[in-house]
Structure formats: C-alpha cells, structure tokens
Amino acid sequence: QLIVADQGNDRLLLCDPTTTDDCTEAAGVSGAGSSSILSGPRGLRYDIGYTCTRPTTGGYNFGSVEEVLNPGYAFGFKATGITCFSGYKTADAGVSATACTSQGPYTVAGCTVMSCTRPVADLYDFRSATENLQIPFFQVRGVACVAGYAPGDGGIQATACTEPNPYTITGCVPIICTRPTAEGYDFSSVAETLDVPNFAATGIVCGSGFTGTASSAPCSSAGPYIVSGCAPSVCTRPSEAGYDFTGVTEDLQVPTFSVSGLACLTGYTTNSPAATVCEITSAYKVTGCDPIMCTHPNFAGYDFSAVTGSLALPTFGATGVACSAGYEAFGAGPTAEVCAAAGPYSVTGCAMIICTRPTGA
C-alpha cells in the first residue's frame, strides 16, 4: 500500500500500488499532516512500510498523546504526551515509548502500579479478608468487626490509598447494650456503662421473692445485657399436725406461690384452711385447722381434780379420773373416753355405793 501526498488539498491518500486511481483519504493514517509528506510534490508516492499500533498496556494514559507511527519510513516514529493513570507511579525519567520493529504495538515504559498496605486497626478482624491492594484494582472484602463492635448503618468501608500507604477502613462502632427487664432483678441502685468495650453494671440485687447473687455480662449484639444469679425462692410443705395434703395442688415458687385443695384431718376443725407464702426459702404457713377440744364432764360420782393429759381430740389422753366419795370403782375402774365432737368426754367405771339393810337381831 502506498501513501500519496495531495498537497493542494492538504491531505494524504492511501492508494493501491498498481494504480493511482484507487485511492482513499488517509484520515487517521499515521503520518497524516506531516510536513515531510506535505512538502513533497503533489501526487508523489511514498512506501510507508510497516506501521506501529498503540499499545493497550494498563496504567498508561494516551489521552494527550501525539503519535507518528511509521518507523519504517523517513517521517518515522513519535509518541509523546503519554502519562500514567492514577494509581501508577511515574518513573523519575518519565514515560518513554519505543518504536515497534515490525507490524504491531510500540512499547511503553515508566508507569509502575502502586499498592496500598493493610492498616493496623484494632477494631477490625482481617482473618477472613480477601484483598487486592493494587490501587487501580483496589478491593477489600470479608473484613469483620472485633468482639464488642458491630458495623454501623453504612457497613464496613475500605478506601484505597492514593500513594503507597495503608488503606483506610471505617464502619465498626461500639455495640450499645440496653437494660434488661428480667424478672427477679432489682435495678433501682444500678450504675451502668452500656457500650460493650467498657461495659459495667454494678449494684444489681435480687428482687423480692428471689434469692442468689446477681451478676451481669455484656450483650453480644445490640439489645439487653445479660443478668444471672437470681432464682425464685422456693417454699417447702409444712409438717404441722392437723392438715391433710392428700388432694393439694402447689406452686411453691415464691413469686407465683399458690396452694389449693388443703383440708383438715379428722379431729380438727374445718374452718377453711389456708396457706401463706414463706418469706424466705422455708416452709409455707398454714392456718385454719385447730384440734377439736374435749371438756371435762360434770358427771356425779367422778372426781376430776387430779386429771392430767391432753384433751385435744386427735391426741386425747385424760388420766387421773377418780371416783367421788360415795362411789366405788367397778370393772376397769374410772376411765375417760374421747369425745366425738367438741364437748365433754365420757367417763365410766364409778358406781354409787348402795347400802343394804342389816340382818342383825
């Protein structure tokens, strides 16, 4: 292929070497506008030989380049104005271009990619991070926050450096706990620091109906901190005589205490027996079942002045009953028998002495 100067029209033509008629305008052809071409006689043919092409090497900015890309001909090779893109360092000698030696791209040199380094950032966990630290291709993924911190609204953001330095990372903020509403804990005297890295909660005690030693621990994510150590106080069943627990239903935890189905045993009053919660871990209180009490009878012939023993129906044991003057014992002698309901107990064994008519002369 030939390049032909059309000096009168200030242009170059590309022509078939076998004819001067088959020509097309060489717009964009390397060498167009060269004074060495245009100063030649009109229609003079030039053999342009091979032509270099622009390289696609990364990091080089050809936006302001001036090129003459026919090193095989007199108007030769030139590529000036090449610069380095952002993220690449320009050599002290600047950017250079070297002509190709056969058809193909010319060679450029002088731009070296720059890389960031990983920052020292105490709030960030890089153990699962994947990083491309070259500035033009910078990418960081998989960074997490250390314990006590969590990503803020914008998440974790890594920003490339502009020259070889640590990149910037932001986004981890302290986790803030809130006060819990756990039953059984009294926070009335608590002193709190609620950000997890500096967490403290002192002065917590167990609430009414709970026992133990209260302790606290920070939350692992935004929300209530953890309290532990307080358990419901638990009552035990009492052993008072007179109460029938056979049909009882019990919830013995102090905060929810309830007892139903309590009854009185035989020999005790039946005045609506009731249960009252204990104040500490101990037996709950029962009331309403009192022993039925017998009384001393007022039967003639019996002397109760020396009687001893229980007059309560369940434990009845009156002893010491004697026969009054004029009465004598019979059988087993004077004996006391328990009453069937509140009232006098029964006595037997004393009979009136009966005199008989004498038979003397």
Protein backbone atom coordinates (compact mmCIF):
# COMPACT_ATOMS: atom_id res chain seq x y z
CA GLN A 1 0.00 0.00 0.00
CA LEU A 2 1.26 3.47 -0.90
CA ILE A 3 0.69 6.78 0.79
CA VAL A 4 0.34 9.70 -1.65
CA ALA A 5 0.65 13.39 -0.83
CA ASP A 6 -2.24 15.53 -2.11
CA GLN A 7 -0.58 18.82 -1.23
CA GLY A 8 -3.17 21.04 -2.78
CA ASN A 9 -5.90 19.66 -0.54
CA ASP A 10 -3.62 19.30 2.49
CA ARG A 11 -4.30 15.62 2.87
CA LEU A 12 -2.82 12.17 2.44
CA LEU A 13 -4.24 9.40 0.33
CA LEU A 14 -3.88 5.65 0.61
CA CYS A 15 -3.58 4.13 -2.91
CA ASP A 16 -3.39 0.72 -4.46
CA PRO A 17 0.24 0.33 -5.71
CA THR A 18 -0.97 -0.87 -9.13
CA THR A 19 -2.99 2.21 -9.92
CA THR A 20 -3.12 5.86 -8.98
CA ASP A 21 -6.88 5.96 -9.30
CA ASP A 22 -7.80 3.57 -6.47
CA CYS A 23 -7.20 5.91 -3.51
CA THR A 24 -9.00 6.68 -0.25
CA GLU A 25 -8.42 9.56 2.09
CA ALA A 26 -5.98 8.56 4.86
CA ALA A 27 -7.88 10.15 7.69
CA GLY A 28 -6.36 8.83 10.91
CA VAL A 29 -3.46 7.25 9.00
CA SER A 30 -0.20 7.55 10.92
CA GLY A 31 1.81 10.37 9.43
CA ALA A 32 -1.13 12.39 8.14
CA GLY A 33 -0.31 16.08 8.30
CA SER A 34 3.43 15.53 8.49
CA SER A 35 5.31 18.43 6.90
CA SER A 36 7.78 15.98 5.35
CA ILE A 37 4.93 14.46 3.39
CA LEU A 38 3.04 17.60 2.51
CA SER A 39 6.16 19.43 1.35
CA GLY A 40 6.74 16.81 -1.33
CA PRO A 41 5.44 17.22 -4.86
CA ARG A 42 1.75 16.61 -5.42
CA GLY A 43 1.00 13.01 -6.14
CA LEU A 44 4.40 11.79 -5.03
CA ARG A 45 4.16 8.23 -3.82
CA TYR A 46 5.79 7.03 -0.60
CA ASP A 47 6.21 3.44 0.56
CA ILE A 48 5.05 3.58 4.21
CA GLY A 49 6.39 0.11 5.07
CA TYR A 50 5.09 -1.29 8.38
CA THR A 51 3.10 0.73 10.91
CA CYS A 52 3.18 0.56 14.72
CA THR A 53 -0.07 0.43 16.65
CA ARG A 54 -0.91 1.96 20.00
CA PRO A 55 -0.32 -0.50 22.87
CA THR A 56 -3.04 -1.45 25.37
CA THR A 57 -0.67 -1.73 28.32
CA GLY A 58 -2.53 -0.97 31.57
CA GLY A 59 -1.66 2.16 33.52
CA TYR A 60 -0.82 4.40 30.57
CA ASN A 61 -2.97 7.40 29.64
CA PHE A 62 -2.92 8.13 25.89
CA GLY A 63 -5.48 10.94 26.12
CA SER A 64 -2.96 13.66 25.15
CA VAL A 65 -0.56 11.57 23.08
CA GLU A 66 0.98 12.82 19.81
CA GLU A 67 1.97 9.92 17.57
CA VAL A 68 3.77 9.27 14.28
CA LEU A 69 3.68 5.50 13.89
CA ASN A 70 5.65 4.70 10.68
CA PRO A 71 9.15 3.87 11.93
CA GLY A 72 9.94 2.18 8.56
CA TYR A 73 9.76 5.45 6.66
CA ALA A 74 11.50 8.80 6.78
CA PHE A 75 8.76 10.60 8.73
CA GLY A 76 9.42 7.93 11.36
CA PHE A 77 8.11 7.21 14.88
CA LYS A 78 7.00 9.53 17.62
CA ALA A 79 4.76 9.01 20.70
CA THR A 80 4.83 11.87 23.22
CA GLY A 81 2.46 13.17 25.86
CA ILE A 82 1.78 9.77 27.40
CA THR A 83 1.16 9.94 31.15
CA CYS A 84 0.44 7.48 33.96
CA PHE A 85 -3.08 6.93 35.21
CA SER A 86 -3.96 7.48 38.84
CA GLY A 87 -2.68 4.59 40.93
CA TYR A 88 0.51 4.29 38.93
CA LYS A 89 3.85 5.86 39.79
CA THR A 90 5.76 7.73 37.09
CA ALA A 91 9.44 6.86 36.86
CA ASP A 92 11.96 9.60 37.55
CA ALA A 93 12.87 9.58 33.86
CA GLY A 94 9.22 9.93 32.89
CA VAL A 95 7.22 7.82 30.45
CA SER A 96 9.06 6.56 27.38
CA ALA A 97 7.84 5.00 24.12
CA THR A 98 9.93 2.72 21.87
CA ALA A 99 9.03 2.02 18.27
CA CYS A 100 7.98 -1.42 17.16
CA THR A 101 10.39 -3.35 14.93
CA SER A 102 7.64 -5.00 12.92
CA GLN A 103 3.95 -4.51 12.45
CA GLY A 104 2.44 -4.36 15.99
CA PRO A 105 2.21 -2.22 19.14
CA TYR A 106 5.04 0.02 20.21
CA THR A 107 6.46 -0.38 23.72
CA VAL A 108 5.85 1.97 26.65
CA ALA A 109 7.68 2.11 29.98
CA GLY A 110 7.80 4.28 33.09
CA CYS A 111 4.46 3.58 34.82
CA THR A 112 4.54 1.22 37.80
CA VAL A 113 1.39 0.19 39.65
CA MET A 114 1.25 1.36 43.28
CA SER A 115 -0.15 -0.77 46.11
CA CYS A 116 -1.66 0.02 49.49
CA THR A 117 -0.80 -1.88 52.66
CA ARG A 118 -3.18 -3.30 55.26
CA PRO A 119 -3.81 -0.83 58.09
CA VAL A 120 -3.27 -1.57 61.75
CA ALA A 121 -6.83 -1.14 63.02
CA ASP A 122 -7.71 -2.59 66.42
CA LEU A 123 -11.45 -2.62 65.78
CA TYR A 124 -11.26 -4.80 62.66
CA ASP A 125 -10.81 -8.53 62.14
CA PHE A 126 -8.92 -9.30 58.91
CA ARG A 127 -8.71 -13.09 59.36
CA SER A 128 -11.26 -13.76 56.59
CA ALA A 129 -10.37 -10.76 54.43
CA THR A 130 -9.61 -11.02 50.71
CA GLU A 131 -7.64 -8.06 49.38
CA ASN A 132 -6.39 -6.70 46.07
CA LEU A 133 -4.11 -3.94 47.27
CA GLN A 134 -3.05 -2.53 43.88
CA ILE A 135 -4.55 0.95 43.81
CA PRO A 136 -6.15 0.77 40.33
CA PHE A 137 -7.80 -2.56 41.16
CA PHE A 138 -8.28 -2.00 44.87
CA GLN A 139 -10.83 -4.26 46.53
CA VAL A 140 -11.24 -5.47 50.11
CA ARG A 141 -13.88 -7.97 51.23
CA GLY A 142 -14.56 -10.12 54.28
CA VAL A 143 -13.37 -7.72 56.99
CA ALA A 144 -15.37 -8.06 60.23
CA CYS A 145 -15.56 -6.16 63.49
CA VAL A 146 -13.83 -7.49 66.60
CA ALA A 147 -15.85 -8.53 69.66
CA GLY A 148 -17.71 -5.62 71.21
CA TYR A 149 -18.12 -3.77 67.90
CA ALA A 150 -20.55 -4.08 65.00
CA PRO A 151 -20.90 -2.49 61.54
CA GLY A 152 -22.71 0.85 61.55
CA ASP A 153 -25.53 1.80 59.19
CA GLY A 154 -23.19 2.10 56.21
CA GLY A 155 -21.41 -1.19 56.85
CA ILE A 156 -17.64 -1.62 56.76
CA GLN A 157 -15.99 0.53 54.08
CA ALA A 158 -12.41 0.20 52.81
CA THR A 159 -10.97 3.15 50.85
CA ALA A 160 -7.85 2.88 48.72
CA CYS A 161 -4.76 4.95 49.45
CA THR A 162 -3.59 7.46 46.82
CA GLU A 163 0.06 6.53 47.21
CA PRO A 164 1.79 3.58 48.89
CA ASN A 165 0.36 3.80 52.39
CA PRO A 166 -2.17 1.84 54.49
CA TYR A 167 -5.66 1.95 53.08
CA THR A 168 -8.45 3.45 55.20
CA ILE A 169 -11.13 1.32 56.83
CA THR A 170 -14.21 2.58 58.68
CA GLY A 171 -17.60 1.37 59.86
CA CYS A 172 -17.16 -0.55 63.12
CA VAL A 173 -18.84 1.15 66.07
CA PRO A 174 -19.22 0.03 69.70
CA ILE A 175 -22.20 -2.21 70.44
CA ILE A 176 -24.54 -0.48 72.91
CA CYS A 177 -26.49 -2.68 75.33
CA THR A 178 -29.80 -1.79 76.95
CA ARG A 179 -31.04 -2.55 80.45
CA PRO A 180 -32.91 -5.87 80.60
CA THR A 181 -36.38 -6.31 82.07
CA ALA A 182 -35.64 -9.75 83.52
CA GLU A 183 -37.97 -10.78 86.34
CA GLY A 184 -36.32 -11.25 89.70
CA TYR A 185 -33.74 -8.46 89.45
CA ASP A 186 -33.82 -5.08 91.19
CA PHE A 187 -32.11 -2.32 89.15
CA SER A 188 -33.07 0.54 91.46
CA SER A 189 -29.46 1.10 92.58
CA VAL A 190 -27.64 0.04 89.41
CA ALA A 191 -24.73 2.01 87.90
CA GLU A 192 -24.22 1.25 84.20
CA THR A 193 -21.77 1.80 81.33
CA LEU A 194 -23.61 0.29 78.37
CA ASP A 195 -21.09 0.30 75.48
CA VAL A 196 -19.68 -3.23 75.26
CA PRO A 197 -15.93 -2.36 75.19
CA ASN A 198 -16.32 -0.56 78.53
CA PHE A 199 -19.33 -2.44 79.89
CA ALA A 200 -20.09 -2.35 83.60
CA ALA A 201 -23.32 -2.83 85.56
CA THR A 202 -22.99 -2.80 89.34
CA GLY A 203 -25.48 -2.54 92.18
CA ILE A 204 -27.95 -5.09 90.81
CA VAL A 205 -29.61 -7.22 93.51
CA CYS A 206 -32.22 -9.96 93.51
CA GLY A 207 -35.80 -8.78 93.66
CA SER A 208 -38.47 -9.72 96.18
CA GLY A 209 -39.19 -13.43 96.10
CA PHE A 210 -35.82 -14.28 94.54
CA THR A 211 -32.56 -15.38 96.13
CA GLY A 212 -28.95 -15.52 94.99
CA THR A 213 -26.18 -13.14 93.96
CA ALA A 214 -26.90 -11.04 90.87
CA SER A 215 -24.23 -10.72 88.18
CA SER A 216 -24.17 -9.12 84.72
CA ALA A 217 -22.45 -9.64 81.35
CA PRO A 218 -22.43 -7.52 78.17
CA CYS A 219 -24.72 -8.24 75.25
CA SER A 220 -23.23 -9.80 72.10
CA SER A 221 -25.35 -7.64 69.79
CA ALA A 222 -27.38 -4.50 70.34
CA GLY A 223 -30.01 -5.36 72.93
CA PRO A 224 -30.41 -6.13 76.65
CA TYR A 225 -27.31 -7.11 78.59
CA ILE A 226 -27.33 -10.45 80.41
CA VAL A 227 -28.15 -10.87 84.09
CA SER A 228 -27.92 -14.08 86.06
CA GLY A 229 -27.67 -15.44 89.58
CA CYS A 230 -31.18 -14.78 90.92
CA ALA A 231 -33.60 -17.70 91.20
CA PRO A 232 -37.11 -17.78 92.64
CA SER A 233 -37.22 -18.58 96.35
CA VAL A 234 -39.00 -21.90 96.83
CA CYS A 235 -41.16 -22.73 99.82
CA THR A 236 -41.41 -26.24 101.26
CA ARG A 237 -44.50 -28.05 102.52
CA PRO A 238 -45.01 -27.65 106.27
CA SER A 239 -45.41 -30.57 108.66
CA GLU A 240 -47.96 -29.07 111.07
CA ALA A 241 -50.34 -31.61 112.54
CA GLY A 242 -53.97 -31.45 111.54
CA TYR A 243 -53.59 -30.70 107.81
CA ASP A 244 -54.44 -33.09 105.02
CA PHE A 245 -52.23 -32.54 101.92
CA THR A 246 -53.59 -35.55 100.03
CA GLY A 247 -55.51 -33.51 97.43
CA VAL A 248 -53.31 -30.42 97.43
CA THR A 249 -52.04 -28.62 94.28
CA GLU A 250 -48.95 -26.45 94.91
CA ASP A 251 -46.79 -23.88 93.13
CA LEU A 252 -44.02 -23.41 95.66
CA GLN A 253 -42.02 -20.67 93.89
CA VAL A 254 -42.43 -17.51 95.94
CA PRO A 255 -43.21 -15.12 93.05
CA THR A 256 -46.10 -17.31 91.82
CA PHE A 257 -46.99 -19.12 95.05
CA SER A 258 -50.35 -20.84 95.27
CA VAL A 259 -51.81 -23.75 97.24
CA SER A 260 -55.25 -25.23 96.74
CA GLY A 261 -57.07 -28.37 97.95
CA LEU A 262 -55.82 -28.11 101.54
CA ALA A 263 -58.08 -29.84 104.09
CA CYS A 264 -58.17 -30.60 107.82
CA LEU A 265 -57.62 -34.09 109.17
CA THR A 266 -60.16 -35.88 111.32
CA GLY A 267 -60.14 -34.48 114.82
CA TYR A 268 -59.50 -30.93 113.68
CA THR A 269 -61.81 -28.05 112.94
CA THR A 270 -62.71 -27.39 109.31
CA ASN A 271 -62.57 -23.59 109.25
CA SER A 272 -61.40 -23.05 105.64
CA PRO A 273 -57.72 -23.97 105.93
CA ALA A 274 -55.40 -21.56 104.12
CA ALA A 275 -51.73 -21.37 103.06
CA THR A 276 -49.49 -18.28 103.19
CA VAL A 277 -46.26 -17.89 101.17
CA CYS A 278 -42.96 -18.15 103.00
CA GLU A 279 -40.72 -15.08 103.25
CA ILE A 280 -37.52 -16.96 102.51
CA THR A 281 -36.77 -20.50 101.41
CA SER A 282 -38.61 -22.30 104.20
CA ALA A 283 -41.96 -23.99 104.87
CA TYR A 284 -45.06 -22.04 103.94
CA LYS A 285 -47.55 -21.26 106.70
CA VAL A 286 -50.88 -22.99 107.15
CA THR A 287 -53.82 -21.87 109.28
CA GLY A 288 -57.41 -22.90 109.90
CA CYS A 289 -57.10 -26.44 111.27
CA ASP A 290 -57.18 -26.48 115.07
CA PRO A 291 -57.60 -29.57 117.23
CA ILE A 292 -61.16 -30.27 118.42
CA MET A 293 -61.02 -29.95 122.23
CA CYS A 294 -62.89 -32.14 124.68
CA THR A 295 -64.01 -30.67 128.03
CA HIS A 296 -64.24 -32.18 131.48
CA PRO A 297 -67.67 -33.66 132.04
CA ASN A 298 -69.80 -32.77 135.07
CA PHE A 299 -70.93 -36.25 135.91
CA ALA A 300 -71.82 -37.13 139.50
CA GLY A 301 -69.62 -39.75 141.08
CA TYR A 302 -66.41 -38.71 139.39
CA ASP A 303 -63.55 -36.66 140.75
CA PHE A 304 -61.63 -34.74 138.04
CA SER A 305 -59.39 -32.78 140.40
CA ALA A 306 -56.30 -34.83 139.59
CA VAL A 307 -56.91 -35.32 135.85
CA THR A 308 -53.91 -34.76 133.54
CA GLY A 309 -53.25 -35.36 129.82
CA SER A 310 -54.33 -33.91 126.51
CA LEU A 311 -57.93 -33.02 125.96
CA ALA A 312 -57.41 -32.47 122.20
CA LEU A 313 -59.43 -34.98 120.23
CA PRO A 314 -56.54 -36.20 117.99
CA THR A 315 -54.22 -36.75 120.98
CA PHE A 316 -56.74 -37.35 123.74
CA GLY A 317 -55.30 -38.93 126.86
CA ALA A 318 -57.05 -37.78 130.06
CA THR A 319 -55.84 -39.78 133.05
CA GLY A 320 -56.30 -39.49 136.83
CA VAL A 321 -60.10 -39.65 136.91
CA ALA A 322 -61.21 -40.97 140.31
CA CYS A 323 -64.50 -41.92 141.96
CA SER A 324 -66.01 -39.36 144.28
CA ALA A 325 -66.88 -40.15 147.87
CA GLY A 326 -69.86 -42.43 147.99
CA TYR A 327 -68.91 -44.05 144.71
CA GLU A 328 -66.88 -47.09 144.08
CA ALA A 329 -64.97 -48.36 141.08
CA PHE A 330 -66.14 -51.27 139.05
CA GLY A 331 -64.71 -53.13 136.15
CA ALA A 332 -61.53 -51.42 134.96
CA GLY A 333 -62.18 -48.54 137.25
CA PRO A 334 -62.81 -44.93 136.29
CA THR A 335 -61.86 -44.38 132.62
CA ALA A 336 -62.04 -41.31 130.30
CA GLU A 337 -63.14 -41.79 126.68
CA VAL A 338 -62.55 -39.19 123.94
CA CYS A 339 -65.41 -37.01 122.83
CA ALA A 340 -66.75 -37.36 119.28
CA ALA A 341 -67.10 -33.59 118.84
CA ALA A 342 -66.27 -30.55 120.87
CA GLY A 343 -67.81 -31.14 124.26
CA PRO A 344 -67.45 -33.31 127.40
CA TYR A 345 -65.56 -36.53 127.11
CA SER A 346 -67.21 -39.68 128.51
CA VAL A 347 -66.35 -41.42 131.78
CA THR A 348 -67.20 -44.85 133.07
CA GLY A 349 -66.20 -47.11 135.94
CA CYS A 350 -67.70 -45.44 139.06
CA ALA A 351 -70.94 -46.58 140.64
CA MET A 352 -72.83 -45.29 143.65
CA ILE A 353 -72.26 -47.33 146.76
CA ILE A 354 -75.60 -48.88 147.80
CA CYS A 355 -76.13 -49.84 151.38
CA THR A 356 -78.23 -52.88 152.30
CA ARG A 357 -80.49 -53.46 155.24
CA PRO A 358 -78.66 -55.14 158.03
CA THR A 359 -79.89 -58.52 159.25
CA GLY A 360 -78.72 -58.36 162.88
CA ALA A 361 -81.08 -59.13 165.94
